[in-house]
C-alpha atoms as a PDB file:
ATOM      1  CA  MET A   1      71.855  80.241 107.870  1.00  0.00           C
ATOM      2  CA  ALA A   2      70.938  82.410 110.905  1.00  0.00           C
ATOM      3  CA  ALA A   3      71.623  86.093 110.844  1.00  0.00           C
ATOM      4  CA  GLY A   4      73.895  85.801 113.923  1.00  0.00           C
ATOM      5  CA  GLU A   5      76.080  83.231 112.149  1.00  0.00           C
ATOM      6  CA  ARG A   6      76.238  85.227 109.027  1.00  0.00           C
ATOM      7  CA  GLY A   7      77.244  88.358 110.949  1.00  0.00           C
ATOM      8  CA  ARG A   8      79.745  86.474 112.881  1.00  0.00           C
ATOM      9  CA  ASP A   9      81.177  84.931 109.642  1.00  0.00           C
ATOM     10  CA  VAL A  10      81.311  88.303 107.685  1.00  0.00           C
ATOM     11  CA  VAL A  11      82.718  90.602 110.355  1.00  0.00           C
ATOM     12  CA  PRO A  12      86.363  89.538 110.253  1.00  0.00           C
ATOM     13  CA  TRP A  13      86.733  89.714 106.605  1.00  0.00           C
ATOM     14  CA  PRO A  14      86.816  93.429 105.885  1.00  0.00           C
ATOM     15  CA  SER A  15      89.266  94.143 108.706  1.00  0.00           C
ATOM     16  CA  ALA A  16      91.627  91.283 107.470  1.00  0.00           C
ATOM     17  CA  LEU A  17      91.194  92.263 103.935  1.00  0.00           C
ATOM     18  CA  SER A  18      91.929  95.897 104.591  1.00  0.00           C
ATOM     19  CA  PHE A  19      94.860  95.006 106.805  1.00  0.00           C
ATOM     20  CA  ARG A  20      96.223  92.875 104.060  1.00  0.00           C
ATOM     21  CA  PHE A  21      95.672  95.407 101.411  1.00  0.00           C
ATOM     22  CA  GLY A  22      97.148  98.218 103.642  1.00  0.00           C
ATOM     23  CA  ALA A  23     100.255  96.038 104.346  1.00  0.00           C
ATOM     24  CA  HIS A  24     100.627  95.452 100.604  1.00  0.00           C
ATOM     25  CA  VAL A  25     100.362  99.082  99.791  1.00  0.00           C
ATOM     26  CA  GLY A  26     102.696 100.123 102.540  1.00  0.00           C
ATOM     27  CA  ALA A  27     105.303  97.639 101.349  1.00  0.00           C
ATOM     28  CA  SER A  28     104.954  98.824  97.779  1.00  0.00           C
ATOM     29  CA  THR A  29     105.151 102.414  98.666  1.00  0.00           C
ATOM     30  CA  ALA A  30     108.305 101.718 100.760  1.00  0.00           C
ATOM     31  CA  ALA A  31     109.860  99.840  97.932  1.00  0.00           C
ATOM     32  CA  LEU A  32     109.073 102.654  95.572  1.00  0.00           C
ATOM     33  CA  ALA A  33     110.534 105.269  97.995  1.00  0.00           C
ATOM     34  CA  CYS A  34     113.670 103.224  98.409  1.00  0.00           C
ATOM     35  CA  ALA A  35     113.973 102.887  94.596  1.00  0.00           C
ATOM     36  CA  ASN A  36     113.407 106.556  94.050  1.00  0.00           C
ATOM     37  CA  THR A  37     115.937 107.459  96.616  1.00  0.00           C
ATOM     38  CA  TYR A  38     118.540 105.084  95.155  1.00  0.00           C
ATOM     39  CA  THR A  39     117.921 106.446  91.646  1.00  0.00           C
ATOM     40  CA  SER A  40     118.157 110.004  92.537  1.00  0.00           C
ATOM     41  CA  PHE A  41     121.214 109.266  94.714  1.00  0.00           C
ATOM     42  CA  SER A  42     123.020 107.257  91.949  1.00  0.00           C
ATOM     43  CA  SER A  43     122.037 109.881  89.189  1.00  0.00           C
ATOM     44  CA  THR A  44     123.307 112.930  91.254  1.00  0.00           C
ATOM     45  CA  TYR A  45     125.993 111.797  93.530  1.00  0.00           C
ATOM     46  CA  LEU A  46     127.803 108.982  91.594  1.00  0.00           C
ATOM     47  CA  PRO A  47     128.524 110.885  88.411  1.00  0.00           C
ATOM     48  CA  THR A  48     129.950 113.759  90.358  1.00  0.00           C
ATOM     49  CA  TYR A  49     132.030 111.450  92.417  1.00  0.00           C
ATOM     50  CA  LEU A  50     133.310 109.445  89.298  1.00  0.00           C
ATOM     51  CA  HIS A  51     133.980 112.813  87.524  1.00  0.00           C
ATOM     52  CA  ALA A  52     136.010 114.117  90.456  1.00  0.00           C
ATOM     53  CA  TYR A  53     137.820 110.774  90.850  1.00  0.00           C
ATOM     54  CA  LEU A  54     138.661 110.526  87.083  1.00  0.00           C
ATOM     55  CA  HIS A  55     139.791 114.172  86.807  1.00  0.00           C
ATOM     56  CA  ARG A  56     141.608 114.410  89.999  1.00  0.00           C
ATOM     57  CA  PRO A  57     145.140 116.051  89.836  1.00  0.00           C
ATOM     58  CA  PRO A  58     147.937 113.626  89.496  1.00  0.00           C
END
């Protein structure tokens, strides 16, 4: 195999790989952030709301 062919073959791989890896990490980070936000929201706001709703004056 000629050096030119090998170079042409190999060049696209790192960029495609890093792009795919970056997209995967980005999606995972976004999913984790959403889960964290939802968890903190449901663990702080919902109990307060339920407590106020259940113990509202008649």
